[in-house]
Amino acid sequence: MKPGIITISREFGSGGREVGEKLANRLGVPFYDREIITETAYKTGFAEEYVKKQGEYASARNWFEYSFSARSSSFGMSPEDYLWSKQREVILDLSRKGPCVIVGRCADYILRERKDVLNVFIHASVEKRKRRITEVYKEAEHSDRMLRDIDKKRSFNYKYYTEQTWGKSQNYDITLDSGTLGIDCCVDILLELCGRDIEK
């Protein structure tokens, strides 16, 4: 069965978002990233900036701390868990509208019951990710530690809500090294997996 929905998980600075956006354009399907933030903010009443950060990144310094921060049953559902539940609803609602590309936010896990989903993980070396952030986004150079800290926060968040390991190859249908292959080559590979001819 050809996939109707593609989820893109990615290391920070790997260009995974660009891969997803280009793929959606080539397939002629919706691309969901910012829309998830906006709709979740509307449903929860949280500020979009809060949703952007807390919806994908853990705020704690380690997984143990994150697991127990503001999550005592005596206080009911924490803001983080409430945000997760509403973000999950948004992703499920968007997936029901038809074929699409969804970036991040545990979409691969949320849609795990569907048979028409292709789960992708985009990664690259630290050096190539640092170079991309500096050249493409015109930001000051990030340190190795900063890049790893950002990915660690994504990993903590993913592990807490899915009980799976973020970035582990067995959890995805395909993993691609954008630093070696390049963004456009990653898009071409995914187009072929989706059963689409590559325009030369």
N, C-alpha and C. Protein backbone atom coordinates (compact mmCIF):
# COMPACT_ATOMS: atom_id res chain seq x y z
N MET A 1 0.83 -1.20 0.00
CA MET A 1 0.00 0.00 0.00
C MET A 1 0.88 1.26 0.00
N LYS A 2 0.56 2.17 -0.90
CA LYS A 2 1.30 3.43 -0.94
C LYS A 2 0.92 4.29 0.26
N PRO A 3 1.91 4.89 0.91
CA PRO A 3 1.60 5.71 2.08
C PRO A 3 0.81 6.95 1.70
N GLY A 4 -0.17 7.29 2.53
CA GLY A 4 -0.94 8.51 2.31
C GLY A 4 -0.47 9.62 3.22
N ILE A 5 0.13 9.22 4.35
CA ILE A 5 0.61 10.20 5.33
C ILE A 5 2.08 9.92 5.59
N ILE A 6 2.88 10.98 5.58
CA ILE A 6 4.31 10.86 5.89
C ILE A 6 4.60 11.68 7.12
N THR A 7 5.19 11.07 8.13
CA THR A 7 5.62 11.81 9.32
C THR A 7 7.13 11.98 9.25
N ILE A 8 7.58 13.18 9.57
CA ILE A 8 9.01 13.50 9.53
C ILE A 8 9.49 13.84 10.94
N SER A 9 10.30 12.98 11.51
CA SER A 9 11.00 13.28 12.76
C SER A 9 12.42 13.67 12.37
N ARG A 10 13.05 14.56 13.16
CA ARG A 10 14.34 15.05 12.71
C ARG A 10 15.20 15.58 13.83
N GLU A 11 16.51 15.47 13.63
CA GLU A 11 17.46 16.11 14.53
C GLU A 11 17.45 17.61 14.26
N PHE A 12 17.73 18.39 15.29
CA PHE A 12 17.77 19.83 15.13
C PHE A 12 18.88 20.23 14.15
N GLY A 13 18.51 21.02 13.15
CA GLY A 13 19.49 21.48 12.18
C GLY A 13 19.74 20.53 11.02
N SER A 14 19.01 19.41 10.97
CA SER A 14 19.23 18.43 9.90
C SER A 14 18.49 18.78 8.61
N GLY A 15 17.60 19.75 8.67
CA GLY A 15 16.82 20.11 7.49
C GLY A 15 15.58 19.25 7.30
N GLY A 16 15.18 18.55 8.34
CA GLY A 16 14.01 17.69 8.23
C GLY A 16 12.74 18.43 7.87
N ARG A 17 12.59 19.63 8.42
CA ARG A 17 11.41 20.43 8.08
C ARG A 17 11.40 20.79 6.60
N GLU A 18 12.56 21.15 6.06
CA GLU A 18 12.65 21.49 4.64
C GLU A 18 12.36 20.27 3.76
N VAL A 19 12.86 19.12 4.19
CA VAL A 19 12.56 17.88 3.46
C VAL A 19 11.05 17.66 3.42
N GLY A 20 10.40 17.82 4.57
CA GLY A 20 8.97 17.61 4.64
C GLY A 20 8.19 18.59 3.79
N GLU A 21 8.59 19.86 3.81
CA GLU A 21 7.87 20.88 3.05
C GLU A 21 8.04 20.67 1.55
N LYS A 22 9.27 20.35 1.12
CA LYS A 22 9.50 20.09 -0.30
C LYS A 22 8.76 18.83 -0.76
N LEU A 23 8.76 17.83 0.08
CA LEU A 23 8.06 16.58 -0.26
C LEU A 23 6.57 16.83 -0.42
N ALA A 24 5.99 17.59 0.49
CA ALA A 24 4.56 17.89 0.41
C ALA A 24 4.23 18.66 -0.87
N ASN A 25 5.10 19.61 -1.22
CA ASN A 25 4.89 20.38 -2.46
C ASN A 25 4.94 19.49 -3.68
N ARG A 26 5.89 18.56 -3.71
CA ARG A 26 6.04 17.66 -4.86
C ARG A 26 4.87 16.68 -4.94
N LEU A 27 4.35 16.29 -3.78
CA LEU A 27 3.22 15.35 -3.76
C LEU A 27 1.89 16.06 -3.95
N GLY A 28 1.88 17.37 -3.74
CA GLY A 28 0.63 18.13 -3.86
C GLY A 28 -0.32 17.87 -2.69
N VAL A 29 0.27 17.70 -1.49
CA VAL A 29 -0.55 17.43 -0.30
C VAL A 29 -0.25 18.48 0.77
N PRO A 30 -1.12 18.65 1.76
CA PRO A 30 -0.87 19.63 2.83
C PRO A 30 0.37 19.29 3.63
N PHE A 31 1.01 20.35 4.12
CA PHE A 31 2.18 20.23 4.97
C PHE A 31 1.81 20.82 6.33
N TYR A 32 1.89 20.00 7.38
CA TYR A 32 1.46 20.44 8.70
C TYR A 32 2.63 20.56 9.67
N ASP A 33 2.85 21.77 10.12
CA ASP A 33 3.85 22.07 11.12
C ASP A 33 3.32 23.22 11.97
N ARG A 34 3.36 24.41 11.41
CA ARG A 34 2.85 25.60 12.11
C ARG A 34 1.36 25.47 12.40
N GLU A 35 0.63 24.81 11.51
CA GLU A 35 -0.81 24.65 11.70
C GLU A 35 -1.13 23.88 12.97
N ILE A 36 -0.27 22.92 13.31
CA ILE A 36 -0.49 22.14 14.53
C ILE A 36 -0.34 23.03 15.75
N ILE A 37 0.65 23.90 15.72
CA ILE A 37 0.88 24.83 16.84
C ILE A 37 -0.31 25.77 17.00
N THR A 38 -0.75 26.36 15.88
CA THR A 38 -1.85 27.33 15.92
C THR A 38 -3.14 26.70 16.41
N GLU A 39 -3.45 25.52 15.90
CA GLU A 39 -4.71 24.86 16.28
C GLU A 39 -4.66 24.37 17.73
N THR A 40 -3.51 23.88 18.16
CA THR A 40 -3.37 23.44 19.55
C THR A 40 -3.48 24.62 20.50
N ALA A 41 -2.89 25.74 20.13
CA ALA A 41 -3.00 26.95 20.95
C ALA A 41 -4.45 27.38 21.07
N TYR A 42 -5.20 27.28 19.99
CA TYR A 42 -6.62 27.64 20.00
C TYR A 42 -7.42 26.72 20.93
N LYS A 43 -7.12 25.42 20.86
CA LYS A 43 -7.86 24.45 21.66
C LYS A 43 -7.55 24.56 23.16
N THR A 44 -6.30 24.92 23.47
CA THR A 44 -5.87 24.93 24.88
C THR A 44 -5.94 26.30 25.53
N GLY A 45 -5.87 27.35 24.72
CA GLY A 45 -5.79 28.69 25.27
C GLY A 45 -4.37 29.09 25.63
N PHE A 46 -3.41 28.19 25.38
CA PHE A 46 -2.01 28.50 25.63
C PHE A 46 -1.47 29.41 24.51
N ALA A 47 -0.45 30.19 24.83
CA ALA A 47 0.21 31.02 23.82
C ALA A 47 0.91 30.12 22.81
N GLU A 48 0.97 30.56 21.56
CA GLU A 48 1.60 29.75 20.52
C GLU A 48 3.07 29.47 20.83
N GLU A 49 3.76 30.44 21.42
CA GLU A 49 5.17 30.23 21.75
C GLU A 49 5.34 29.12 22.78
N TYR A 50 4.41 29.04 23.73
CA TYR A 50 4.43 27.98 24.73
C TYR A 50 4.19 26.63 24.06
N VAL A 51 3.20 26.58 23.17
CA VAL A 51 2.89 25.34 22.47
C VAL A 51 4.07 24.90 21.62
N LYS A 52 4.70 25.86 20.96
CA LYS A 52 5.84 25.55 20.09
C LYS A 52 6.95 24.86 20.86
N LYS A 53 7.24 25.34 22.06
CA LYS A 53 8.33 24.78 22.86
C LYS A 53 7.90 23.54 23.64
N GLN A 54 6.82 23.66 24.41
CA GLN A 54 6.42 22.57 25.29
C GLN A 54 5.79 21.40 24.54
N GLY A 55 5.32 21.66 23.32
CA GLY A 55 4.68 20.59 22.56
C GLY A 55 5.65 19.59 21.98
N GLU A 56 6.95 19.92 22.04
CA GLU A 56 7.94 19.02 21.45
C GLU A 56 9.21 18.88 22.28
N TYR A 57 9.47 19.84 23.15
CA TYR A 57 10.69 19.83 23.93
C TYR A 57 10.40 19.68 25.43
N ALA A 58 11.14 18.83 26.09
CA ALA A 58 11.06 18.74 27.54
C ALA A 58 11.76 19.95 28.14
N SER A 59 11.22 20.45 29.25
CA SER A 59 11.83 21.60 29.91
C SER A 59 12.88 21.19 30.94
N ALA A 60 12.84 19.95 31.37
CA ALA A 60 13.75 19.48 32.42
C ALA A 60 15.12 19.12 31.84
N ARG A 61 16.10 18.97 32.74
CA ARG A 61 17.46 18.69 32.33
C ARG A 61 17.74 17.21 32.10
N ASN A 62 16.88 16.33 32.64
CA ASN A 62 17.03 14.90 32.40
C ASN A 62 15.67 14.24 32.43
N TRP A 63 15.63 12.99 31.95
CA TRP A 63 14.34 12.32 31.78
C TRP A 63 13.68 12.07 33.13
N PHE A 64 14.44 11.71 34.16
CA PHE A 64 13.87 11.46 35.48
C PHE A 64 13.18 12.70 36.02
N GLU A 65 13.85 13.83 35.91
CA GLU A 65 13.28 15.10 36.38
C GLU A 65 12.02 15.44 35.60
N TYR A 66 12.06 15.21 34.29
CA TYR A 66 10.90 15.53 33.45
C TYR A 66 9.71 14.64 33.78
N SER A 67 9.98 13.39 34.08
CA SER A 67 8.91 12.44 34.36
C SER A 67 8.11 12.82 35.60
N PHE A 68 8.76 13.49 36.56
CA PHE A 68 8.10 13.79 37.83
C PHE A 68 7.79 15.27 38.03
N SER A 69 8.16 16.12 37.07
CA SER A 69 7.90 17.54 37.23
C SER A 69 6.43 17.85 36.96
N ALA A 70 5.76 18.40 37.99
CA ALA A 70 4.36 18.84 37.86
C ALA A 70 3.43 17.73 37.40
N ARG A 71 3.71 16.47 37.77
CA ARG A 71 2.89 15.37 37.32
C ARG A 71 2.35 14.52 38.47
N SER A 72 2.19 15.13 39.63
CA SER A 72 1.62 14.41 40.75
C SER A 72 0.12 14.20 40.53
N SER A 73 -0.37 12.99 40.78
CA SER A 73 -1.79 12.70 40.57
C SER A 73 -2.69 13.54 41.45
N SER A 74 -2.15 14.03 42.56
CA SER A 74 -2.97 14.83 43.47
C SER A 74 -3.33 16.18 42.87
N PHE A 75 -2.61 16.59 41.83
CA PHE A 75 -2.88 17.87 41.19
C PHE A 75 -3.66 17.71 39.89
N GLY A 76 -4.02 16.48 39.55
CA GLY A 76 -4.73 16.26 38.30
C GLY A 76 -3.78 16.32 37.11
N MET A 77 -4.35 16.59 35.92
CA MET A 77 -3.55 16.64 34.71
C MET A 77 -2.66 17.88 34.70
N SER A 78 -1.38 17.68 34.40
CA SER A 78 -0.44 18.80 34.33
C SER A 78 -0.67 19.59 33.05
N PRO A 79 -0.18 20.83 33.00
CA PRO A 79 -0.29 21.61 31.74
C PRO A 79 0.36 20.88 30.57
N GLU A 80 1.49 20.20 30.81
CA GLU A 80 2.17 19.49 29.74
C GLU A 80 1.32 18.34 29.20
N ASP A 81 0.68 17.61 30.12
CA ASP A 81 -0.14 16.48 29.70
C ASP A 81 -1.41 16.95 28.99
N TYR A 82 -1.97 18.05 29.45
CA TYR A 82 -3.15 18.63 28.80
C TYR A 82 -2.78 19.07 27.38
N LEU A 83 -1.63 19.72 27.25
CA LEU A 83 -1.15 20.14 25.94
C LEU A 83 -0.96 18.93 25.03
N TRP A 84 -0.36 17.88 25.55
CA TRP A 84 -0.15 16.65 24.77
C TRP A 84 -1.47 16.09 24.27
N SER A 85 -2.48 16.02 25.14
CA SER A 85 -3.75 15.43 24.76
C SER A 85 -4.42 16.23 23.64
N LYS A 86 -4.34 17.55 23.71
CA LYS A 86 -4.97 18.39 22.69
C LYS A 86 -4.17 18.38 21.39
N GLN A 87 -2.85 18.36 21.51
CA GLN A 87 -2.01 18.27 20.32
C GLN A 87 -2.25 16.95 19.59
N ARG A 88 -2.43 15.88 20.37
CA ARG A 88 -2.75 14.58 19.79
C ARG A 88 -4.06 14.65 19.03
N GLU A 89 -5.07 15.31 19.60
CA GLU A 89 -6.37 15.47 18.92
C GLU A 89 -6.21 16.20 17.60
N VAL A 90 -5.40 17.24 17.60
CA VAL A 90 -5.19 18.03 16.39
C VAL A 90 -4.55 17.18 15.30
N ILE A 91 -3.52 16.41 15.66
CA ILE A 91 -2.84 15.57 14.68
C ILE A 91 -3.78 14.50 14.13
N LEU A 92 -4.58 13.90 14.98
CA LEU A 92 -5.54 12.89 14.51
C LEU A 92 -6.57 13.52 13.59
N ASP A 93 -7.04 14.71 13.93
CA ASP A 93 -8.03 15.41 13.08
C ASP A 93 -7.45 15.73 11.71
N LEU A 94 -6.23 16.23 11.69
CA LEU A 94 -5.58 16.58 10.42
C LEU A 94 -5.35 15.33 9.56
N SER A 95 -4.99 14.23 10.20
CA SER A 95 -4.72 13.00 9.44
C SER A 95 -5.99 12.46 8.79
N ARG A 96 -7.13 12.75 9.37
CA ARG A 96 -8.40 12.25 8.82
C ARG A 96 -8.83 13.03 7.58
N LYS A 97 -8.21 14.17 7.35
CA LYS A 97 -8.59 14.99 6.19
C LYS A 97 -8.03 14.44 4.89
N GLY A 98 -7.03 13.55 4.98
CA GLY A 98 -6.47 12.98 3.77
C GLY A 98 -4.96 12.98 3.78
N PRO A 99 -4.34 12.60 2.66
CA PRO A 99 -2.88 12.54 2.57
C PRO A 99 -2.22 13.85 2.97
N CYS A 100 -1.08 13.75 3.65
CA CYS A 100 -0.39 14.94 4.13
C CYS A 100 1.00 14.57 4.61
N VAL A 101 1.79 15.60 4.93
CA VAL A 101 3.10 15.44 5.55
C VAL A 101 3.05 16.17 6.89
N ILE A 102 3.43 15.48 7.96
CA ILE A 102 3.39 16.04 9.31
C ILE A 102 4.80 16.01 9.90
N VAL A 103 5.23 17.14 10.44
CA VAL A 103 6.56 17.23 11.02
C VAL A 103 6.52 17.17 12.54
N GLY A 104 7.31 16.25 13.12
CA GLY A 104 7.53 16.20 14.56
C GLY A 104 6.32 15.88 15.42
N ARG A 105 6.43 16.24 16.71
CA ARG A 105 5.37 16.18 17.69
C ARG A 105 4.78 14.79 17.89
N CYS A 106 5.66 13.79 17.80
CA CYS A 106 5.29 12.39 18.06
C CYS A 106 4.21 11.88 17.11
N ALA A 107 4.08 12.49 15.94
CA ALA A 107 3.04 12.08 15.00
C ALA A 107 3.19 10.63 14.58
N ASP A 108 4.44 10.15 14.48
CA ASP A 108 4.66 8.76 14.11
C ASP A 108 4.01 7.81 15.11
N TYR A 109 4.11 8.15 16.39
CA TYR A 109 3.52 7.31 17.44
C TYR A 109 2.00 7.49 17.49
N ILE A 110 1.54 8.70 17.39
CA ILE A 110 0.11 9.00 17.47
C ILE A 110 -0.65 8.28 16.36
N LEU A 111 -0.04 8.15 15.18
CA LEU A 111 -0.71 7.53 14.03
C LEU A 111 -0.30 6.07 13.83
N ARG A 112 0.23 5.45 14.88
CA ARG A 112 0.79 4.11 14.75
C ARG A 112 -0.24 3.04 14.37
N GLU A 113 -1.53 3.28 14.61
CA GLU A 113 -2.55 2.29 14.28
C GLU A 113 -2.91 2.29 12.79
N ARG A 114 -2.54 3.34 12.09
CA ARG A 114 -2.87 3.44 10.67
C ARG A 114 -1.88 2.63 9.84
N LYS A 115 -2.37 2.09 8.72
CA LYS A 115 -1.54 1.27 7.85
C LYS A 115 -1.00 2.05 6.67
N ASP A 116 -1.40 3.31 6.53
CA ASP A 116 -1.02 4.10 5.36
C ASP A 116 -0.01 5.20 5.70
N VAL A 117 0.80 4.97 6.74
CA VAL A 117 1.74 5.98 7.22
C VAL A 117 3.18 5.54 6.96
N LEU A 118 3.98 6.47 6.45
CA LEU A 118 5.42 6.25 6.29
C LEU A 118 6.13 7.13 7.31
N ASN A 119 6.86 6.51 8.23
CA ASN A 119 7.56 7.25 9.28
C ASN A 119 9.03 7.41 8.92
N VAL A 120 9.47 8.67 8.90
CA VAL A 120 10.82 9.02 8.43
C VAL A 120 11.58 9.72 9.55
N PHE A 121 12.88 9.43 9.65
CA PHE A 121 13.75 10.16 10.58
C PHE A 121 14.91 10.74 9.79
N ILE A 122 15.11 12.07 9.90
CA ILE A 122 16.18 12.77 9.20
C ILE A 122 17.27 13.14 10.21
N HIS A 123 18.52 12.82 9.88
CA HIS A 123 19.63 13.11 10.78
C HIS A 123 20.83 13.58 9.98
N ALA A 124 21.83 14.07 10.68
CA ALA A 124 23.08 14.49 10.05
C ALA A 124 24.13 14.64 11.15
N SER A 125 25.37 14.74 10.75
CA SER A 125 26.44 14.91 11.72
C SER A 125 26.30 16.27 12.41
N VAL A 126 26.88 16.37 13.60
CA VAL A 126 26.83 17.63 14.35
C VAL A 126 27.46 18.76 13.54
N GLU A 127 28.60 18.50 12.91
CA GLU A 127 29.29 19.54 12.15
C GLU A 127 28.44 20.05 11.00
N LYS A 128 27.78 19.14 10.29
CA LYS A 128 26.96 19.56 9.15
C LYS A 128 25.69 20.28 9.61
N ARG A 129 25.18 19.90 10.76
CA ARG A 129 24.00 20.60 11.29
C ARG A 129 24.37 22.00 11.75
N LYS A 130 25.51 22.15 12.38
CA LYS A 130 25.99 23.48 12.80
C LYS A 130 26.17 24.38 11.58
N ARG A 131 26.75 23.82 10.53
CA ARG A 131 26.98 24.60 9.31
C ARG A 131 25.67 25.02 8.67
N ARG A 132 24.70 24.12 8.67
CA ARG A 132 23.41 24.44 8.05
C ARG A 132 22.70 25.56 8.81
N ILE A 133 22.69 25.48 10.12
CA ILE A 133 22.02 26.50 10.93
C ILE A 133 22.65 27.86 10.69
N THR A 134 23.97 27.88 10.60
CA THR A 134 24.68 29.14 10.39
C THR A 134 24.44 29.70 9.00
N GLU A 135 24.49 28.84 7.98
CA GLU A 135 24.38 29.30 6.60
C GLU A 135 22.94 29.53 6.15
N VAL A 136 22.05 28.62 6.48
CA VAL A 136 20.68 28.71 5.99
C VAL A 136 19.85 29.67 6.81
N TYR A 137 19.96 29.58 8.13
CA TYR A 137 19.12 30.40 8.99
C TYR A 137 19.80 31.67 9.47
N LYS A 138 21.07 31.85 9.05
CA LYS A 138 21.82 33.07 9.39
C LYS A 138 21.90 33.32 10.90
N GLU A 139 21.91 32.23 11.66
CA GLU A 139 22.02 32.35 13.11
C GLU A 139 23.48 32.21 13.54
N ALA A 140 23.75 32.70 14.72
CA ALA A 140 25.10 32.53 15.26
C ALA A 140 25.41 31.05 15.39
N GLU A 141 26.65 30.72 15.27
CA GLU A 141 27.05 29.31 15.31
C GLU A 141 26.67 28.67 16.64
N HIS A 142 26.05 27.50 16.56
CA HIS A 142 25.67 26.76 17.75
C HIS A 142 26.82 25.85 18.18
N SER A 143 26.96 25.68 19.47
CA SER A 143 27.98 24.76 19.98
C SER A 143 27.48 23.33 19.88
N ASP A 144 28.41 22.38 19.91
CA ASP A 144 28.03 20.97 19.90
C ASP A 144 27.08 20.68 21.06
N ARG A 145 27.39 21.23 22.21
CA ARG A 145 26.58 20.97 23.39
C ARG A 145 25.16 21.51 23.22
N MET A 146 25.01 22.69 22.62
CA MET A 146 23.69 23.27 22.42
C MET A 146 22.84 22.39 21.51
N LEU A 147 23.43 21.91 20.43
CA LEU A 147 22.70 21.03 19.52
C LEU A 147 22.25 19.76 20.23
N ARG A 148 23.16 19.19 20.98
CA ARG A 148 22.83 17.94 21.68
C ARG A 148 21.78 18.17 22.76
N ASP A 149 21.83 19.31 23.43
CA ASP A 149 20.84 19.62 24.46
C ASP A 149 19.44 19.75 23.87
N ILE A 150 19.33 20.38 22.71
CA ILE A 150 18.04 20.54 22.05
C ILE A 150 17.47 19.17 21.66
N ASP A 151 18.31 18.33 21.07
CA ASP A 151 17.86 16.99 20.69
C ASP A 151 17.52 16.15 21.93
N LYS A 152 18.27 16.36 23.01
CA LYS A 152 18.00 15.61 24.24
C LYS A 152 16.62 15.95 24.78
N LYS A 153 16.24 17.22 24.70
CA LYS A 153 14.92 17.63 25.18
C LYS A 153 13.81 17.03 24.32
N ARG A 154 14.06 16.92 23.02
CA ARG A 154 13.09 16.24 22.15
C ARG A 154 12.99 14.77 22.55
N SER A 155 14.14 14.18 22.82
CA SER A 155 14.19 12.77 23.17
C SER A 155 13.44 12.48 24.47
N PHE A 156 13.63 13.34 25.49
CA PHE A 156 12.94 13.16 26.77
C PHE A 156 11.43 13.23 26.57
N ASN A 157 10.99 14.23 25.82
CA ASN A 157 9.56 14.41 25.58
C ASN A 157 8.98 13.20 24.85
N TYR A 158 9.69 12.72 23.84
CA TYR A 158 9.23 11.58 23.05
C TYR A 158 9.16 10.32 23.92
N LYS A 159 10.17 10.10 24.72
CA LYS A 159 10.21 8.91 25.56
C LYS A 159 9.08 8.92 26.59
N TYR A 160 8.82 10.09 27.17
CA TYR A 160 7.78 10.18 28.20
C TYR A 160 6.41 9.81 27.64
N TYR A 161 6.09 10.31 26.45
CA TYR A 161 4.75 10.11 25.91
C TYR A 161 4.60 8.86 25.05
N THR A 162 5.68 8.29 24.58
CA THR A 162 5.58 7.12 23.72
C THR A 162 6.20 5.86 24.31
N GLU A 163 7.06 6.01 25.31
CA GLU A 163 7.83 4.91 25.89
C GLU A 163 8.73 4.26 24.85
N GLN A 164 9.10 5.02 23.84
CA GLN A 164 10.00 4.55 22.81
C GLN A 164 11.21 5.48 22.73
N THR A 165 12.24 5.01 22.03
CA THR A 165 13.46 5.78 21.90
C THR A 165 13.45 6.63 20.64
N TRP A 166 13.54 7.93 20.83
CA TRP A 166 13.56 8.87 19.71
C TRP A 166 14.83 8.67 18.89
N GLY A 167 14.68 8.57 17.57
CA GLY A 167 15.83 8.41 16.69
C GLY A 167 16.29 6.99 16.48
N LYS A 168 15.73 6.02 17.21
CA LYS A 168 16.12 4.62 17.05
C LYS A 168 15.57 4.11 15.71
N SER A 169 16.43 3.58 14.89
CA SER A 169 16.05 3.23 13.52
C SER A 169 14.87 2.26 13.44
N GLN A 170 14.79 1.35 14.41
CA GLN A 170 13.70 0.36 14.38
C GLN A 170 12.32 0.99 14.56
N ASN A 171 12.27 2.22 15.03
CA ASN A 171 10.98 2.88 15.25
C ASN A 171 10.48 3.62 14.01
N TYR A 172 11.25 3.57 12.93
CA TYR A 172 10.89 4.30 11.71
C TYR A 172 10.96 3.37 10.51
N ASP A 173 10.29 3.75 9.44
CA ASP A 173 10.36 2.95 8.22
C ASP A 173 11.66 3.21 7.47
N ILE A 174 12.18 4.43 7.59
CA ILE A 174 13.43 4.78 6.93
C ILE A 174 14.10 5.94 7.66
N THR A 175 15.43 5.89 7.76
CA THR A 175 16.20 7.00 8.30
C THR A 175 17.15 7.47 7.20
N LEU A 176 17.29 8.79 7.07
CA LEU A 176 18.10 9.36 6.00
C LEU A 176 19.09 10.37 6.57
N ASP A 177 20.34 10.31 6.11
CA ASP A 177 21.37 11.24 6.51
C ASP A 177 21.37 12.41 5.52
N SER A 178 20.74 13.51 5.89
CA SER A 178 20.64 14.66 4.99
C SER A 178 21.99 15.33 4.77
N GLY A 179 22.91 15.17 5.72
CA GLY A 179 24.23 15.75 5.57
C GLY A 179 25.01 15.09 4.46
N THR A 180 24.82 13.79 4.28
CA THR A 180 25.51 13.03 3.23
C THR A 180 24.74 13.06 1.92
N LEU A 181 23.43 12.84 2.00
CA LEU A 181 22.60 12.73 0.80
C LEU A 181 22.22 14.08 0.21
N GLY A 182 22.03 15.07 1.09
CA GLY A 182 21.50 16.36 0.64
C GLY A 182 19.98 16.38 0.75
N ILE A 183 19.42 17.55 0.92
CA ILE A 183 17.98 17.71 1.09
C ILE A 183 17.20 17.17 -0.10
N ASP A 184 17.58 17.58 -1.30
CA ASP A 184 16.82 17.19 -2.49
C ASP A 184 16.87 15.69 -2.76
N CYS A 185 18.01 15.07 -2.46
CA CYS A 185 18.11 13.63 -2.64
C CYS A 185 17.19 12.90 -1.66
N CYS A 186 17.11 13.41 -0.42
CA CYS A 186 16.19 12.82 0.57
C CYS A 186 14.76 12.90 0.06
N VAL A 187 14.40 14.04 -0.52
CA VAL A 187 13.06 14.22 -1.06
C VAL A 187 12.81 13.24 -2.19
N ASP A 188 13.78 13.08 -3.09
CA ASP A 188 13.63 12.15 -4.22
C ASP A 188 13.43 10.72 -3.74
N ILE A 189 14.19 10.31 -2.73
CA ILE A 189 14.06 8.95 -2.19
C ILE A 189 12.66 8.73 -1.63
N LEU A 190 12.16 9.70 -0.90
CA LEU A 190 10.83 9.57 -0.31
C LEU A 190 9.74 9.60 -1.37
N LEU A 191 9.95 10.37 -2.43
CA LEU A 191 8.99 10.37 -3.54
C LEU A 191 8.88 8.98 -4.16
N GLU A 192 10.02 8.32 -4.34
CA GLU A 192 10.01 6.98 -4.91
C GLU A 192 9.28 6.01 -3.99
N LEU A 193 9.50 6.15 -2.69
CA LEU A 193 8.82 5.27 -1.74
C LEU A 193 7.31 5.51 -1.76
N CYS A 194 6.92 6.72 -2.12
CA CYS A 194 5.50 7.05 -2.20
C CYS A 194 4.92 6.67 -3.56
N GLY A 195 5.74 6.08 -4.42
CA GLY A 195 5.26 5.63 -5.72
C GLY A 195 5.13 6.73 -6.74
N ARG A 196 5.87 7.83 -6.55
CA ARG A 196 5.82 8.94 -7.49
C ARG A 196 7.10 8.97 -8.32
N ASP A 197 6.94 9.29 -9.61
CA ASP A 197 8.11 9.42 -10.47
C ASP A 197 8.84 10.71 -10.12
N ILE A 198 10.16 10.66 -10.23
CA ILE A 198 10.98 11.84 -9.98
C ILE A 198 11.13 12.63 -11.26
N GLU A 199 10.82 13.89 -11.20
CA GLU A 199 10.96 14.77 -12.36
C GLU A 199 12.43 15.09 -12.59
N LYS A 200 12.92 14.80 -13.74
CA LYS A 200 14.33 15.05 -14.05
C LYS A 200 14.49 16.45 -14.64
